[in-house]
Amino acid sequence: MEGKPTPDDPSDNEADASANRRWPTWRRLLLIVGAIVVGLLVLIQAVPYGRDHTNPPVTATTTWDSPQTQSLFATACGDCHSNETEWPWYSNIAPVSWLTEKDVKDGREELNISEAQSEVEVEEMVEVIRDGSMPPWFYTIPHPDADLSSREKEALITGLEATFLGRESTDPRGEEAESEDEQDES
């Protein structure tokens, strides 16, 4: 029959034999690569960096303008910008432990509300919250509560300004809250 390959057709047999020889080679290569990756992951667990999860002592406290500001800061910023870091389980597994340790160390160097500082850069805090660079996108993946809505970001910004600059806070409806001086005069 014309057009249909026959079992005696040598070109088909060569193609089948070639495909059969290639598949086991790729399977073996995949197994070897997989074993190497698993071996490396096990081996890097011996590197001690990223496993010291003792928080330094809190030497300064912040008097927050409201519990909402304190809660928003703790949720979105506190793990990296205070000495009250909550270390998740995955922060014990390299290489994630290395990245987590580095991010917390860098965050505390930039701003640490748990230690006495001469000046808190409120304008810089406001800028990085507004432009979305804080909290970083990769932090919000395992911490979805840290991915603040626009309203929560504005509430945090207003609260930070009130806390660190002494500006009047606004309530959730956007109205200015009366300061204690105005309440005393009434």
C-alpha atoms as a PDB file:
ATOM      1  CA  MET A   1       0.000   0.000   0.000  1.00  0.00           C
ATOM      2  CA  GLU A   2       1.187   3.353  -0.924  1.00  0.00           C
ATOM      3  CA  GLY A   3       1.433   6.145   1.668  1.00  0.00           C
ATOM      4  CA  LYS A   4       1.179   3.934   4.738  1.00  0.00           C
ATOM      5  CA  PRO A   5       4.370   2.894   6.457  1.00  0.00           C
ATOM      6  CA  THR A   6       4.922  -0.807   6.776  1.00  0.00           C
ATOM      7  CA  PRO A   7       6.618  -2.593   9.642  1.00  0.00           C
ATOM      8  CA  ASP A   8       9.403  -3.438   7.240  1.00  0.00           C
ATOM      9  CA  ASP A   9      10.107   0.229   6.423  1.00  0.00           C
ATOM     10  CA  PRO A  10      13.702   0.816   7.683  1.00  0.00           C
ATOM     11  CA  SER A  11      13.349   4.622   8.010  1.00  0.00           C
ATOM     12  CA  ASP A  12      10.561   4.253  10.624  1.00  0.00           C
ATOM     13  CA  ASN A  13      12.484   1.645  12.572  1.00  0.00           C
ATOM     14  CA  GLU A  14      15.551   3.899  12.723  1.00  0.00           C
ATOM     15  CA  ALA A  15      13.458   6.848  13.924  1.00  0.00           C
ATOM     16  CA  ASP A  16      11.796   4.718  16.627  1.00  0.00           C
ATOM     17  CA  ALA A  17      15.125   3.325  17.778  1.00  0.00           C
ATOM     18  CA  SER A  18      16.636   6.797  17.897  1.00  0.00           C
ATOM     19  CA  ALA A  19      13.690   8.147  19.945  1.00  0.00           C
ATOM     20  CA  ASN A  20      13.923   5.203  22.358  1.00  0.00           C
ATOM     21  CA  ARG A  21      17.635   5.804  22.883  1.00  0.00           C
ATOM     22  CA  ARG A  22      17.124   9.558  23.463  1.00  0.00           C
ATOM     23  CA  TRP A  23      14.308   9.319  26.047  1.00  0.00           C
ATOM     24  CA  PRO A  24      16.279   7.306  28.590  1.00  0.00           C
ATOM     25  CA  THR A  25      19.223   9.670  28.165  1.00  0.00           C
ATOM     26  CA  TRP A  26      16.997  12.689  28.943  1.00  0.00           C
ATOM     27  CA  ARG A  27      15.376  10.845  31.820  1.00  0.00           C
ATOM     28  CA  ARG A  28      18.779  10.016  33.269  1.00  0.00           C
ATOM     29  CA  LEU A  29      19.961  13.588  32.789  1.00  0.00           C
ATOM     30  CA  LEU A  30      16.834  14.904  34.547  1.00  0.00           C
ATOM     31  CA  LEU A  31      17.382  12.500  37.445  1.00  0.00           C
ATOM     32  CA  ILE A  32      21.035  13.515  37.736  1.00  0.00           C
ATOM     33  CA  VAL A  33      20.211  17.236  37.692  1.00  0.00           C
ATOM     34  CA  GLY A  34      17.424  16.687  40.223  1.00  0.00           C
ATOM     35  CA  ALA A  35      19.755  14.734  42.523  1.00  0.00           C
ATOM     36  CA  ILE A  36      22.391  17.465  42.285  1.00  0.00           C
ATOM     37  CA  VAL A  37      19.836  20.183  43.133  1.00  0.00           C
ATOM     38  CA  VAL A  38      18.485  18.222  46.114  1.00  0.00           C
ATOM     39  CA  GLY A  39      22.043  17.466  47.248  1.00  0.00           C
ATOM     40  CA  LEU A  40      23.003  21.137  47.083  1.00  0.00           C
ATOM     41  CA  LEU A  41      19.871  22.160  49.003  1.00  0.00           C
ATOM     42  CA  VAL A  42      20.736  19.662  51.729  1.00  0.00           C
ATOM     43  CA  LEU A  43      24.389  20.733  51.745  1.00  0.00           C
ATOM     44  CA  ILE A  44      23.672  24.478  52.078  1.00  0.00           C
ATOM     45  CA  GLN A  45      21.675  23.809  55.238  1.00  0.00           C
ATOM     46  CA  ALA A  46      25.058  23.470  56.957  1.00  0.00           C
ATOM     47  CA  VAL A  47      25.849  27.164  56.329  1.00  0.00           C
ATOM     48  CA  PRO A  48      25.107  28.879  59.647  1.00  0.00           C
ATOM     49  CA  TYR A  49      24.167  32.329  58.293  1.00  0.00           C
ATOM     50  CA  GLY A  50      20.507  33.253  58.587  1.00  0.00           C
ATOM     51  CA  ARG A  51      19.614  31.122  61.583  1.00  0.00           C
ATOM     52  CA  ASP A  52      20.223  33.492  64.497  1.00  0.00           C
ATOM     53  CA  HIS A  53      16.669  34.523  65.217  1.00  0.00           C
ATOM     54  CA  THR A  54      17.208  36.205  68.529  1.00  0.00           C
ATOM     55  CA  ASN A  55      15.814  39.710  68.478  1.00  0.00           C
ATOM     56  CA  PRO A  56      17.935  42.419  70.103  1.00  0.00           C
ATOM     57  CA  PRO A  57      16.359  44.060  73.138  1.00  0.00           C
ATOM     58  CA  VAL A  58      13.870  46.873  72.641  1.00  0.00           C
ATOM     59  CA  THR A  59      15.608  49.989  73.984  1.00  0.00           C
ATOM     60  CA  ALA A  60      13.105  52.601  72.841  1.00  0.00           C
ATOM     61  CA  THR A  61       9.357  52.641  72.558  1.00  0.00           C
ATOM     62  CA  THR A  62       7.206  54.638  70.218  1.00  0.00           C
ATOM     63  CA  THR A  63       4.172  56.481  71.485  1.00  0.00           C
ATOM     64  CA  TRP A  64       1.768  55.886  68.617  1.00  0.00           C
ATOM     65  CA  ASP A  65      -0.975  58.365  67.769  1.00  0.00           C
ATOM     66  CA  SER A  66      -3.497  55.513  67.606  1.00  0.00           C
ATOM     67  CA  PRO A  67      -3.766  51.739  67.897  1.00  0.00           C
ATOM     68  CA  GLN A  68      -4.578  51.649  64.158  1.00  0.00           C
ATOM     69  CA  THR A  69      -1.221  53.214  63.230  1.00  0.00           C
ATOM     70  CA  GLN A  70       0.612  50.820  65.547  1.00  0.00           C
ATOM     71  CA  SER A  71      -1.237  47.841  64.054  1.00  0.00           C
ATOM     72  CA  LEU A  72      -0.648  48.920  60.443  1.00  0.00           C
ATOM     73  CA  PHE A  73       3.045  49.533  61.136  1.00  0.00           C
ATOM     74  CA  ALA A  74       3.416  46.162  62.891  1.00  0.00           C
ATOM     75  CA  THR A  75       1.654  44.374  60.016  1.00  0.00           C
ATOM     76  CA  ALA A  76       3.437  46.001  57.076  1.00  0.00           C
ATOM     77  CA  CYS A  77       6.739  47.237  58.519  1.00  0.00           C
ATOM     78  CA  GLY A  78       7.484  45.794  61.951  1.00  0.00           C
ATOM     79  CA  ASP A  79       9.226  42.568  60.982  1.00  0.00           C
ATOM     80  CA  CYS A  80      12.086  44.436  59.321  1.00  0.00           C
ATOM     81  CA  HIS A  81      12.009  47.805  61.076  1.00  0.00           C
ATOM     82  CA  SER A  82      11.880  46.787  64.735  1.00  0.00           C
ATOM     83  CA  ASN A  83      13.467  44.362  67.166  1.00  0.00           C
ATOM     84  CA  GLU A  84      10.175  42.488  67.397  1.00  0.00           C
ATOM     85  CA  THR A  85      10.576  40.356  64.281  1.00  0.00           C
ATOM     86  CA  GLU A  86       8.371  37.300  64.007  1.00  0.00           C
ATOM     87  CA  TRP A  87      10.537  34.699  62.300  1.00  0.00           C
ATOM     88  CA  PRO A  88       8.432  32.382  60.101  1.00  0.00           C
ATOM     89  CA  TRP A  89       9.253  28.682  59.692  1.00  0.00           C
ATOM     90  CA  TYR A  90      10.770  29.180  56.234  1.00  0.00           C
ATOM     91  CA  SER A  91      13.358  31.572  57.673  1.00  0.00           C
ATOM     92  CA  ASN A  92      15.145  28.452  58.961  1.00  0.00           C
ATOM     93  CA  ILE A  93      15.691  26.950  55.505  1.00  0.00           C
ATOM     94  CA  ALA A  94      18.578  28.092  53.307  1.00  0.00           C
ATOM     95  CA  PRO A  95      18.728  29.944  50.954  1.00  0.00           C
ATOM     96  CA  VAL A  96      15.509  31.686  52.106  1.00  0.00           C
ATOM     97  CA  SER A  97      17.038  32.093  55.578  1.00  0.00           C
ATOM     98  CA  TRP A  98      19.932  34.032  54.055  1.00  0.00           C
ATOM     99  CA  LEU A  99      17.622  36.421  52.218  1.00  0.00           C
ATOM    100  CA  THR A 100      15.384  36.904  55.253  1.00  0.00           C
ATOM    101  CA  GLU A 101      18.335  37.614  57.549  1.00  0.00           C
ATOM    102  CA  LYS A 102      19.784  40.116  55.066  1.00  0.00           C
ATOM    103  CA  ASP A 103      16.449  41.911  54.584  1.00  0.00           C
ATOM    104  CA  VAL A 104      15.849  42.233  58.341  1.00  0.00           C
ATOM    105  CA  LYS A 105      19.430  43.409  58.941  1.00  0.00           C
ATOM    106  CA  ASP A 106      19.189  46.005  56.151  1.00  0.00           C
ATOM    107  CA  GLY A 107      15.742  47.129  57.303  1.00  0.00           C
ATOM    108  CA  ARG A 108      16.889  47.633  60.880  1.00  0.00           C
ATOM    109  CA  GLU A 109      19.906  49.618  59.690  1.00  0.00           C
ATOM    110  CA  GLU A 110      17.645  51.921  57.668  1.00  0.00           C
ATOM    111  CA  LEU A 111      14.988  52.389  60.372  1.00  0.00           C
ATOM    112  CA  ASN A 112      14.528  50.616  63.696  1.00  0.00           C
ATOM    113  CA  ILE A 113      11.775  51.956  65.918  1.00  0.00           C
ATOM    114  CA  SER A 114      12.923  49.688  68.759  1.00  0.00           C
ATOM    115  CA  GLU A 115      16.164  51.590  69.272  1.00  0.00           C
ATOM    116  CA  ALA A 116      16.779  55.201  70.180  1.00  0.00           C
ATOM    117  CA  GLN A 117      17.465  57.223  67.065  1.00  0.00           C
ATOM    118  CA  SER A 118      18.195  60.872  66.652  1.00  0.00           C
ATOM    119  CA  GLU A 119      15.781  61.385  63.794  1.00  0.00           C
ATOM    120  CA  VAL A 120      13.137  59.396  61.962  1.00  0.00           C
ATOM    121  CA  GLU A 121      12.936  60.319  58.274  1.00  0.00           C
ATOM    122  CA  VAL A 122       9.150  60.602  58.048  1.00  0.00           C
ATOM    123  CA  GLU A 123       9.155  62.124  54.563  1.00  0.00           C
ATOM    124  CA  GLU A 124      11.215  59.204  53.295  1.00  0.00           C
ATOM    125  CA  MET A 125       8.849  56.739  54.998  1.00  0.00           C
ATOM    126  CA  VAL A 126       5.875  58.446  53.365  1.00  0.00           C
ATOM    127  CA  GLU A 127       7.559  58.415  49.960  1.00  0.00           C
ATOM    128  CA  VAL A 128       8.403  54.690  49.987  1.00  0.00           C
ATOM    129  CA  ILE A 129       4.910  53.769  51.187  1.00  0.00           C
ATOM    130  CA  ARG A 130       3.263  55.932  48.511  1.00  0.00           C
ATOM    131  CA  ASP A 131       5.463  54.716  45.656  1.00  0.00           C
ATOM    132  CA  GLY A 132       4.835  51.096  46.666  1.00  0.00           C
ATOM    133  CA  SER A 133       8.457  50.123  47.313  1.00  0.00           C
ATOM    134  CA  MET A 134       7.605  49.423  50.959  1.00  0.00           C
ATOM    135  CA  PRO A 135       6.675  46.887  51.920  1.00  0.00           C
ATOM    136  CA  PRO A 136       8.549  45.067  49.141  1.00  0.00           C
ATOM    137  CA  TRP A 137       6.453  42.899  46.817  1.00  0.00           C
ATOM    138  CA  PHE A 138       8.323  39.736  47.830  1.00  0.00           C
ATOM    139  CA  TYR A 139       7.414  40.336  51.502  1.00  0.00           C
ATOM    140  CA  THR A 140       3.713  40.582  50.704  1.00  0.00           C
ATOM    141  CA  ILE A 141       3.618  37.130  49.065  1.00  0.00           C
ATOM    142  CA  PRO A 142       3.976  35.163  52.327  1.00  0.00           C
ATOM    143  CA  HIS A 143       2.444  38.056  54.325  1.00  0.00           C
ATOM    144  CA  PRO A 144      -0.719  39.058  52.423  1.00  0.00           C
ATOM    145  CA  ASP A 145      -1.898  41.257  55.315  1.00  0.00           C
ATOM    146  CA  ALA A 146       1.116  43.503  54.650  1.00  0.00           C
ATOM    147  CA  ASP A 147      -0.225  44.332  51.177  1.00  0.00           C
ATOM    148  CA  LEU A 148      -2.070  47.445  52.318  1.00  0.00           C
ATOM    149  CA  SER A 149      -5.017  48.929  50.469  1.00  0.00           C
ATOM    150  CA  SER A 150      -4.890  52.569  49.370  1.00  0.00           C
ATOM    151  CA  ARG A 151      -7.029  53.556  52.337  1.00  0.00           C
ATOM    152  CA  GLU A 152      -4.763  51.646  54.753  1.00  0.00           C
ATOM    153  CA  LYS A 153      -1.653  53.244  53.230  1.00  0.00           C
ATOM    154  CA  GLU A 154      -3.107  56.713  53.684  1.00  0.00           C
ATOM    155  CA  ALA A 155      -4.137  55.882  57.261  1.00  0.00           C
ATOM    156  CA  LEU A 156      -0.597  54.631  57.966  1.00  0.00           C
ATOM    157  CA  ILE A 157       0.972  57.731  56.421  1.00  0.00           C
ATOM    158  CA  THR A 158      -1.310  60.055  58.384  1.00  0.00           C
ATOM    159  CA  GLY A 159      -0.592  58.105  61.557  1.00  0.00           C
ATOM    160  CA  LEU A 160       3.174  58.160  61.004  1.00  0.00           C
ATOM    161  CA  GLU A 161       3.081  61.907  60.451  1.00  0.00           C
ATOM    162  CA  ALA A 162       1.022  62.336  63.631  1.00  0.00           C
ATOM    163  CA  THR A 163       3.291  60.012  65.606  1.00  0.00           C
ATOM    164  CA  PHE A 164       6.676  61.329  64.514  1.00  0.00           C
ATOM    165  CA  LEU A 165       5.960  64.913  63.451  1.00  0.00           C
ATOM    166  CA  GLY A 166       3.182  65.746  65.865  1.00  0.00           C
ATOM    167  CA  ARG A 167       0.762  66.564  63.053  1.00  0.00           C
ATOM    168  CA  GLU A 168      -2.914  66.144  63.785  1.00  0.00           C
ATOM    169  CA  SER A 169      -4.328  62.787  62.921  1.00  0.00           C
ATOM    170  CA  THR A 170      -7.468  62.321  60.886  1.00  0.00           C
ATOM    171  CA  ASP A 171     -10.179  59.864  61.673  1.00  0.00           C
ATOM    172  CA  PRO A 172     -11.250  57.221  59.116  1.00  0.00           C
ATOM    173  CA  ARG A 173     -13.841  59.602  57.614  1.00  0.00           C
ATOM    174  CA  GLY A 174     -11.043  62.038  56.728  1.00  0.00           C
ATOM    175  CA  GLU A 175     -12.039  64.692  59.255  1.00  0.00           C
ATOM    176  CA  GLU A 176      -9.391  66.249  61.408  1.00  0.00           C
ATOM    177  CA  ALA A 177      -9.427  64.915  64.945  1.00  0.00           C
ATOM    178  CA  GLU A 178      -9.501  67.455  67.721  1.00  0.00           C
ATOM    179  CA  SER A 179      -6.196  67.842  69.453  1.00  0.00           C
ATOM    180  CA  GLU A 180      -6.036  67.515  73.243  1.00  0.00           C
ATOM    181  CA  ASP A 181      -5.496  71.302  73.531  1.00  0.00           C
ATOM    182  CA  GLU A 182      -8.730  72.021  71.648  1.00  0.00           C
ATOM    183  CA  GLN A 183     -10.618  69.504  73.806  1.00  0.00           C
ATOM    184  CA  ASP A 184      -9.288  71.100  77.007  1.00  0.00           C
ATOM    185  CA  GLU A 185     -10.407  74.570  75.883  1.00  0.00           C
ATOM    186  CA  SER A 186     -13.997  73.414  75.306  1.00  0.00           C
END
